């Protein structure tokens, strides 16, 4: 995930938050019901990881060969919501809460997510280098 992608996400999220939607305040989740920063970060991380895996066709949903990309994403996202004992609605309400009340926390979450992906990429790159070195040494 590049810095550009992060900036685009933050820009879109802030744009959506600034839209004047009727009844918006009534839709905001109360602070005590919002998902924690850690939970939100983990859900975002797993969603982006799932998106990448589906895009690279590393994941398929068994028995559902005729599903659209959107339907596959929805099934995967539902399993992520279940893992964290939340619903799509509570997740979306929490995004709105963070956008409205503390957008810096949302930005910080995404910065940590980018760091997590960069670390994972480094680990994968390092393990490939280690296995290549081992193969060369055994030949």
N, C-alpha and C. Protein backbone atom coordinates (compact mmCIF):
# COMPACT_ATOMS: atom_id res chain seq x y z
N UNK A 1 0.86 -1.16 0.00
CA UNK A 1 0.00 0.00 0.00
C UNK A 1 0.91 1.22 0.00
N UNK A 2 0.70 2.05 -0.96
CA UNK A 2 1.57 3.22 -1.10
C UNK A 2 1.03 4.40 -0.31
N UNK A 3 1.89 5.36 -0.13
CA UNK A 3 1.51 6.59 0.56
C UNK A 3 0.41 7.31 -0.22
N UNK A 4 0.46 7.20 -1.55
CA UNK A 4 -0.56 7.82 -2.39
C UNK A 4 -1.92 7.21 -2.12
N UNK A 5 -1.97 5.87 -2.02
CA UNK A 5 -3.24 5.20 -1.73
C UNK A 5 -3.79 5.64 -0.38
N UNK A 6 -2.91 5.79 0.61
CA UNK A 6 -3.34 6.26 1.93
C UNK A 6 -3.92 7.65 1.84
N UNK A 7 -3.26 8.53 1.12
CA UNK A 7 -3.75 9.89 0.98
C UNK A 7 -5.08 9.94 0.26
N UNK A 8 -5.24 9.12 -0.76
CA UNK A 8 -6.51 9.07 -1.49
C UNK A 8 -7.62 8.61 -0.55
N UNK A 9 -7.34 7.56 0.24
CA UNK A 9 -8.36 7.06 1.17
C UNK A 9 -8.76 8.15 2.16
N UNK A 10 -7.78 8.79 2.76
CA UNK A 10 -8.07 9.83 3.76
C UNK A 10 -8.87 10.96 3.11
N UNK A 11 -8.49 11.37 1.90
CA UNK A 11 -9.21 12.44 1.21
C UNK A 11 -10.66 12.05 0.95
N UNK A 12 -10.88 10.83 0.44
CA UNK A 12 -12.25 10.37 0.17
C UNK A 12 -13.04 10.27 1.47
N UNK A 13 -12.42 9.73 2.49
CA UNK A 13 -13.12 9.58 3.77
C UNK A 13 -13.51 10.93 4.35
N UNK A 14 -12.59 11.89 4.29
CA UNK A 14 -12.91 13.22 4.81
C UNK A 14 -13.96 13.91 3.95
N UNK A 15 -13.94 13.67 2.66
CA UNK A 15 -14.95 14.25 1.77
C UNK A 15 -16.33 13.71 2.11
N UNK A 16 -16.39 12.39 2.35
CA UNK A 16 -17.68 11.80 2.71
C UNK A 16 -18.17 12.33 4.05
N UNK A 17 -17.25 12.53 4.97
CA UNK A 17 -17.64 13.01 6.29
C UNK A 17 -18.17 14.43 6.22
N UNK A 18 -17.68 15.20 5.27
CA UNK A 18 -18.11 16.59 5.19
C UNK A 18 -19.41 16.77 4.43
N UNK A 19 -19.89 15.72 3.77
CA UNK A 19 -21.16 15.81 3.05
C UNK A 19 -22.29 16.09 4.02
N UNK A 20 -23.19 16.93 3.62
CA UNK A 20 -24.33 17.27 4.47
C UNK A 20 -25.46 16.29 4.20
N UNK A 21 -25.49 15.20 4.96
CA UNK A 21 -26.52 14.20 4.79
C UNK A 21 -27.62 14.46 5.81
N UNK A 22 -28.90 14.43 5.37
CA UNK A 22 -29.99 14.62 6.32
C UNK A 22 -29.98 13.51 7.36
N UNK A 23 -30.15 13.90 8.61
CA UNK A 23 -30.20 12.93 9.69
C UNK A 23 -28.86 12.32 10.04
N UNK A 24 -27.78 12.92 9.55
CA UNK A 24 -26.44 12.36 9.78
C UNK A 24 -26.14 12.21 11.27
N UNK A 25 -26.46 13.22 12.04
CA UNK A 25 -26.16 13.17 13.47
C UNK A 25 -26.89 12.03 14.16
N UNK A 26 -28.11 11.72 13.73
CA UNK A 26 -28.85 10.63 14.35
C UNK A 26 -28.23 9.28 14.00
N UNK A 27 -27.49 9.23 12.89
CA UNK A 27 -26.89 7.98 12.46
C UNK A 27 -25.56 7.71 13.15
N UNK A 28 -24.98 8.71 13.75
CA UNK A 28 -23.67 8.54 14.36
C UNK A 28 -23.76 7.60 15.55
N UNK A 29 -22.82 6.67 15.61
CA UNK A 29 -22.79 5.72 16.70
C UNK A 29 -22.30 6.44 17.96
N UNK A 30 -22.96 6.21 19.09
CA UNK A 30 -22.46 6.83 20.33
C UNK A 30 -21.04 6.35 20.63
N UNK A 31 -20.29 7.19 21.26
CA UNK A 31 -18.88 6.88 21.54
C UNK A 31 -18.72 5.54 22.26
N UNK A 32 -19.62 5.23 23.18
CA UNK A 32 -19.49 3.99 23.94
C UNK A 32 -19.76 2.74 23.10
N UNK A 33 -20.38 2.89 21.93
CA UNK A 33 -20.66 1.74 21.05
C UNK A 33 -19.68 1.64 19.90
N UNK A 34 -18.80 2.59 19.75
CA UNK A 34 -17.87 2.55 18.62
C UNK A 34 -16.89 1.39 18.79
N UNK A 35 -16.42 0.89 17.68
CA UNK A 35 -15.40 -0.15 17.71
C UNK A 35 -14.08 0.48 18.12
N UNK A 36 -13.30 -0.26 18.85
CA UNK A 36 -12.02 0.28 19.33
C UNK A 36 -11.08 0.53 18.16
N UNK A 37 -10.12 1.37 18.41
CA UNK A 37 -9.11 1.69 17.40
C UNK A 37 -8.38 0.42 16.95
N UNK A 38 -8.04 -0.44 17.89
CA UNK A 38 -7.33 -1.69 17.56
C UNK A 38 -8.20 -2.59 16.69
N UNK A 39 -9.49 -2.72 17.03
CA UNK A 39 -10.39 -3.55 16.24
C UNK A 39 -10.56 -2.99 14.84
N UNK A 40 -10.75 -1.67 14.74
CA UNK A 40 -10.90 -1.03 13.44
C UNK A 40 -9.66 -1.28 12.58
N UNK A 41 -8.51 -1.09 13.17
CA UNK A 41 -7.26 -1.28 12.44
C UNK A 41 -7.13 -2.72 11.93
N UNK A 42 -7.45 -3.68 12.80
CA UNK A 42 -7.36 -5.08 12.40
C UNK A 42 -8.35 -5.42 11.28
N UNK A 43 -9.55 -4.88 11.36
CA UNK A 43 -10.55 -5.13 10.31
C UNK A 43 -10.07 -4.53 8.99
N UNK A 44 -9.63 -3.27 9.02
CA UNK A 44 -9.11 -2.64 7.80
C UNK A 44 -7.97 -3.47 7.20
N UNK A 45 -7.04 -3.88 8.06
CA UNK A 45 -5.88 -4.65 7.61
C UNK A 45 -6.32 -5.94 6.92
N UNK A 46 -7.21 -6.68 7.57
CA UNK A 46 -7.66 -7.95 7.00
C UNK A 46 -8.47 -7.75 5.73
N UNK A 47 -9.24 -6.67 5.66
CA UNK A 47 -9.99 -6.38 4.44
C UNK A 47 -9.04 -6.11 3.27
N UNK A 48 -8.03 -5.31 3.50
CA UNK A 48 -7.09 -4.99 2.43
C UNK A 48 -6.29 -6.23 2.03
N UNK A 49 -5.94 -7.05 2.99
CA UNK A 49 -5.24 -8.29 2.70
C UNK A 49 -6.14 -9.21 1.86
N UNK A 50 -7.40 -9.33 2.25
CA UNK A 50 -8.35 -10.15 1.49
C UNK A 50 -8.53 -9.60 0.08
N UNK A 51 -8.65 -8.28 -0.04
CA UNK A 51 -8.79 -7.66 -1.37
C UNK A 51 -7.60 -8.02 -2.26
N UNK A 52 -6.40 -7.95 -1.69
CA UNK A 52 -5.20 -8.27 -2.47
C UNK A 52 -5.20 -9.74 -2.88
N UNK A 53 -5.57 -10.61 -1.97
CA UNK A 53 -5.58 -12.03 -2.27
C UNK A 53 -6.62 -12.37 -3.34
N UNK A 54 -7.78 -11.75 -3.25
CA UNK A 54 -8.82 -11.98 -4.26
C UNK A 54 -8.37 -11.42 -5.60
N UNK A 55 -7.78 -10.24 -5.58
CA UNK A 55 -7.31 -9.61 -6.82
C UNK A 55 -6.26 -10.46 -7.51
N UNK A 56 -5.41 -11.09 -6.72
CA UNK A 56 -4.36 -11.94 -7.28
C UNK A 56 -4.84 -13.37 -7.51
N UNK A 57 -6.13 -13.57 -7.24
CA UNK A 57 -6.76 -14.89 -7.39
C UNK A 57 -6.10 -15.96 -6.52
N UNK A 58 -5.63 -15.54 -5.34
CA UNK A 58 -5.07 -16.48 -4.38
C UNK A 58 -6.16 -17.10 -3.52
N UNK A 59 -7.35 -16.48 -3.53
CA UNK A 59 -8.47 -16.96 -2.74
C UNK A 59 -9.67 -17.09 -3.65
N UNK A 60 -10.37 -18.20 -3.49
CA UNK A 60 -11.63 -18.40 -4.20
C UNK A 60 -12.64 -18.89 -3.18
N UNK A 61 -13.88 -18.60 -3.42
CA UNK A 61 -14.92 -19.05 -2.52
C UNK A 61 -15.47 -20.35 -3.10
N UNK A 62 -15.25 -21.47 -2.40
CA UNK A 62 -15.66 -22.79 -2.89
C UNK A 62 -17.16 -22.84 -3.16
N UNK A 63 -17.50 -23.42 -4.28
CA UNK A 63 -18.90 -23.63 -4.62
C UNK A 63 -19.60 -22.40 -5.14
N UNK A 64 -18.88 -21.32 -5.31
CA UNK A 64 -19.49 -20.06 -5.76
C UNK A 64 -18.73 -19.51 -6.96
N UNK A 65 -18.64 -20.30 -8.03
CA UNK A 65 -17.85 -19.90 -9.18
C UNK A 65 -18.48 -18.77 -9.98
N UNK A 66 -19.79 -18.55 -9.82
CA UNK A 66 -20.45 -17.52 -10.62
C UNK A 66 -20.61 -16.20 -9.86
N UNK A 67 -20.00 -16.09 -8.70
CA UNK A 67 -20.14 -14.86 -7.92
C UNK A 67 -19.32 -13.73 -8.54
N UNK A 68 -19.84 -12.52 -8.43
CA UNK A 68 -19.10 -11.35 -8.88
C UNK A 68 -18.04 -11.00 -7.85
N UNK A 69 -17.12 -10.14 -8.23
CA UNK A 69 -16.08 -9.66 -7.32
C UNK A 69 -16.71 -9.06 -6.06
N UNK A 70 -17.76 -8.27 -6.24
CA UNK A 70 -18.44 -7.64 -5.11
C UNK A 70 -19.01 -8.69 -4.16
N UNK A 71 -19.62 -9.74 -4.71
CA UNK A 71 -20.20 -10.77 -3.87
C UNK A 71 -19.13 -11.54 -3.10
N UNK A 72 -18.01 -11.82 -3.76
CA UNK A 72 -16.90 -12.51 -3.09
C UNK A 72 -16.38 -11.64 -1.96
N UNK A 73 -16.15 -10.35 -2.24
CA UNK A 73 -15.69 -9.43 -1.20
C UNK A 73 -16.66 -9.41 -0.03
N UNK A 74 -17.96 -9.36 -0.32
CA UNK A 74 -18.97 -9.32 0.73
C UNK A 74 -18.90 -10.55 1.62
N UNK A 75 -18.75 -11.72 1.02
CA UNK A 75 -18.65 -12.95 1.81
C UNK A 75 -17.41 -12.93 2.70
N UNK A 76 -16.30 -12.49 2.13
CA UNK A 76 -15.06 -12.43 2.91
C UNK A 76 -15.18 -11.39 4.02
N UNK A 77 -15.72 -10.22 3.70
CA UNK A 77 -15.88 -9.17 4.71
C UNK A 77 -16.78 -9.64 5.84
N UNK A 78 -17.85 -10.36 5.51
CA UNK A 78 -18.75 -10.86 6.55
C UNK A 78 -18.00 -11.77 7.52
N UNK A 79 -17.10 -12.60 7.00
CA UNK A 79 -16.33 -13.48 7.89
C UNK A 79 -15.39 -12.66 8.78
N UNK A 80 -14.87 -11.55 8.25
CA UNK A 80 -14.01 -10.68 9.06
C UNK A 80 -14.84 -10.01 10.15
N UNK A 81 -16.02 -9.51 9.80
CA UNK A 81 -16.90 -8.90 10.81
C UNK A 81 -17.23 -9.91 11.91
N UNK A 82 -17.55 -11.15 11.50
CA UNK A 82 -17.88 -12.19 12.48
C UNK A 82 -16.70 -12.44 13.41
N UNK A 83 -15.51 -12.46 12.86
CA UNK A 83 -14.29 -12.70 13.67
C UNK A 83 -14.16 -11.66 14.78
N UNK A 84 -14.56 -10.42 14.50
CA UNK A 84 -14.42 -9.33 15.47
C UNK A 84 -15.74 -8.99 16.15
N UNK A 85 -16.71 -9.87 16.04
CA UNK A 85 -18.02 -9.70 16.70
C UNK A 85 -18.65 -8.35 16.41
N UNK A 86 -18.69 -7.99 15.14
CA UNK A 86 -19.35 -6.75 14.75
C UNK A 86 -20.13 -6.98 13.47
N UNK A 87 -20.81 -5.97 13.02
CA UNK A 87 -21.56 -6.05 11.77
C UNK A 87 -21.02 -5.00 10.82
N UNK A 88 -21.41 -5.11 9.57
CA UNK A 88 -21.02 -4.10 8.58
C UNK A 88 -21.52 -2.74 9.04
N UNK A 89 -22.73 -2.72 9.57
CA UNK A 89 -23.31 -1.45 10.02
C UNK A 89 -22.51 -0.83 11.16
N UNK A 90 -22.13 -1.65 12.15
CA UNK A 90 -21.37 -1.09 13.28
C UNK A 90 -19.99 -0.63 12.83
N UNK A 91 -19.41 -1.35 11.87
CA UNK A 91 -18.12 -0.96 11.32
C UNK A 91 -18.24 0.39 10.60
N UNK A 92 -19.25 0.51 9.75
CA UNK A 92 -19.45 1.76 9.02
C UNK A 92 -19.80 2.92 9.96
N UNK A 93 -20.61 2.65 10.97
CA UNK A 93 -20.93 3.69 11.96
C UNK A 93 -19.67 4.15 12.70
N UNK A 94 -18.80 3.20 12.99
CA UNK A 94 -17.56 3.55 13.68
C UNK A 94 -16.65 4.37 12.79
N UNK A 95 -16.60 4.05 11.50
CA UNK A 95 -15.81 4.87 10.57
C UNK A 95 -16.33 6.30 10.62
N UNK A 96 -17.65 6.44 10.53
CA UNK A 96 -18.24 7.78 10.58
C UNK A 96 -17.93 8.49 11.89
N UNK A 97 -17.96 7.75 12.99
CA UNK A 97 -17.67 8.35 14.29
C UNK A 97 -16.23 8.90 14.29
N UNK A 98 -15.28 8.05 13.84
CA UNK A 98 -13.88 8.50 13.82
C UNK A 98 -13.71 9.69 12.89
N UNK A 99 -14.36 9.67 11.73
CA UNK A 99 -14.25 10.80 10.80
C UNK A 99 -14.79 12.08 11.41
N UNK A 100 -15.89 11.96 12.11
CA UNK A 100 -16.55 13.14 12.67
C UNK A 100 -15.85 13.64 13.95
N UNK A 101 -15.36 12.72 14.76
CA UNK A 101 -14.86 13.09 16.08
C UNK A 101 -13.34 13.08 16.24
N UNK A 102 -12.65 12.22 15.50
CA UNK A 102 -11.21 12.14 15.65
C UNK A 102 -10.57 11.57 14.38
N UNK A 103 -10.58 12.34 13.28
CA UNK A 103 -10.03 11.84 12.02
C UNK A 103 -8.54 11.51 12.10
N UNK A 104 -7.83 12.14 13.04
CA UNK A 104 -6.40 11.82 13.19
C UNK A 104 -6.19 10.37 13.60
N UNK A 105 -7.10 9.84 14.43
CA UNK A 105 -6.98 8.43 14.82
C UNK A 105 -7.15 7.53 13.60
N UNK A 106 -8.08 7.88 12.73
CA UNK A 106 -8.29 7.09 11.52
C UNK A 106 -7.05 7.15 10.63
N UNK A 107 -6.49 8.33 10.48
CA UNK A 107 -5.26 8.48 9.70
C UNK A 107 -4.13 7.66 10.32
N UNK A 108 -4.01 7.73 11.65
CA UNK A 108 -2.97 6.97 12.34
C UNK A 108 -3.15 5.46 12.15
N UNK A 109 -4.41 5.01 12.16
CA UNK A 109 -4.68 3.59 11.92
C UNK A 109 -4.12 3.19 10.56
N UNK A 110 -4.41 4.00 9.54
CA UNK A 110 -3.95 3.67 8.20
C UNK A 110 -2.44 3.74 8.09
N UNK A 111 -1.81 4.62 8.80
CA UNK A 111 -0.34 4.67 8.79
C UNK A 111 0.23 3.39 9.39
N UNK A 112 -0.39 2.91 10.47
CA UNK A 112 0.07 1.65 11.09
C UNK A 112 -0.20 0.47 10.16
N UNK A 113 -1.33 0.50 9.44
CA UNK A 113 -1.65 -0.58 8.49
C UNK A 113 -0.59 -0.62 7.39
N UNK A 114 -0.22 0.54 6.87
CA UNK A 114 0.82 0.60 5.84
C UNK A 114 2.13 0.03 6.40
N UNK A 115 2.46 0.38 7.65
CA UNK A 115 3.67 -0.16 8.28
C UNK A 115 3.60 -1.67 8.40
N UNK A 116 2.41 -2.19 8.77
CA UNK A 116 2.24 -3.64 8.90
C UNK A 116 2.46 -4.33 7.56
N UNK A 117 1.89 -3.76 6.49
CA UNK A 117 2.08 -4.35 5.16
C UNK A 117 3.54 -4.27 4.74
N UNK A 118 4.19 -3.15 4.99
CA UNK A 118 5.61 -3.01 4.64
C UNK A 118 6.45 -4.03 5.39
N UNK A 119 6.14 -4.24 6.67
CA UNK A 119 6.88 -5.22 7.46
C UNK A 119 6.65 -6.62 6.91
N UNK A 120 5.40 -6.93 6.56
CA UNK A 120 5.08 -8.25 6.01
C UNK A 120 5.82 -8.47 4.69
N UNK A 121 5.87 -7.44 3.85
CA UNK A 121 6.58 -7.53 2.57
C UNK A 121 8.07 -7.77 2.82
N UNK A 122 8.63 -7.08 3.81
CA UNK A 122 10.05 -7.27 4.14
C UNK A 122 10.31 -8.69 4.62
N UNK A 123 9.41 -9.20 5.45
CA UNK A 123 9.56 -10.57 5.96
C UNK A 123 9.51 -11.57 4.82
N UNK A 124 8.57 -11.39 3.91
CA UNK A 124 8.44 -12.30 2.77
C UNK A 124 9.66 -12.20 1.88
N UNK A 125 10.11 -10.98 1.61
CA UNK A 125 11.31 -10.77 0.81
C UNK A 125 12.52 -11.38 1.46
N UNK A 126 12.64 -11.24 2.78
CA UNK A 126 13.76 -11.81 3.51
C UNK A 126 13.75 -13.32 3.49
N UNK A 127 12.56 -13.92 3.60
CA UNK A 127 12.49 -15.38 3.59
C UNK A 127 12.82 -15.93 2.22
N UNK A 128 12.46 -15.20 1.14
CA UNK A 128 12.81 -15.64 -0.21
C UNK A 128 14.32 -15.56 -0.40
N UNK A 129 14.93 -14.50 0.10
CA UNK A 129 16.38 -14.34 -0.01
C UNK A 129 17.08 -15.45 0.76
N UNK A 130 16.59 -15.76 1.97
CA UNK A 130 17.20 -16.81 2.78
C UNK A 130 17.10 -18.16 2.08
N UNK A 131 15.94 -18.49 1.49
CA UNK A 131 15.79 -19.78 0.83
C UNK A 131 16.64 -19.86 -0.42
N UNK A 132 16.80 -18.75 -1.14
CA UNK A 132 17.64 -18.73 -2.34
C UNK A 132 19.09 -18.93 -1.94
N UNK A 133 19.51 -18.29 -0.87
CA UNK A 133 20.89 -18.44 -0.38
C UNK A 133 21.14 -19.88 0.02
N UNK A 134 20.16 -20.51 0.72
CA UNK A 134 20.32 -21.89 1.12
C UNK A 134 20.42 -22.80 -0.09
N UNK A 135 19.59 -22.56 -1.12
CA UNK A 135 19.63 -23.39 -2.33
C UNK A 135 20.99 -23.27 -3.00
N UNK A 136 21.49 -22.05 -3.10
CA UNK A 136 22.80 -21.84 -3.76
C UNK A 136 23.93 -22.50 -2.99
N UNK A 137 23.84 -22.52 -1.66
CA UNK A 137 24.87 -23.12 -0.84
C UNK A 137 24.86 -24.63 -0.92
N UNK A 138 23.70 -25.23 -1.18
CA UNK A 138 23.62 -26.68 -1.23
C UNK A 138 23.98 -27.24 -2.59
N UNK A 139 24.03 -26.39 -3.62
CA UNK A 139 24.36 -26.87 -4.97
C UNK A 139 25.80 -27.08 -5.09
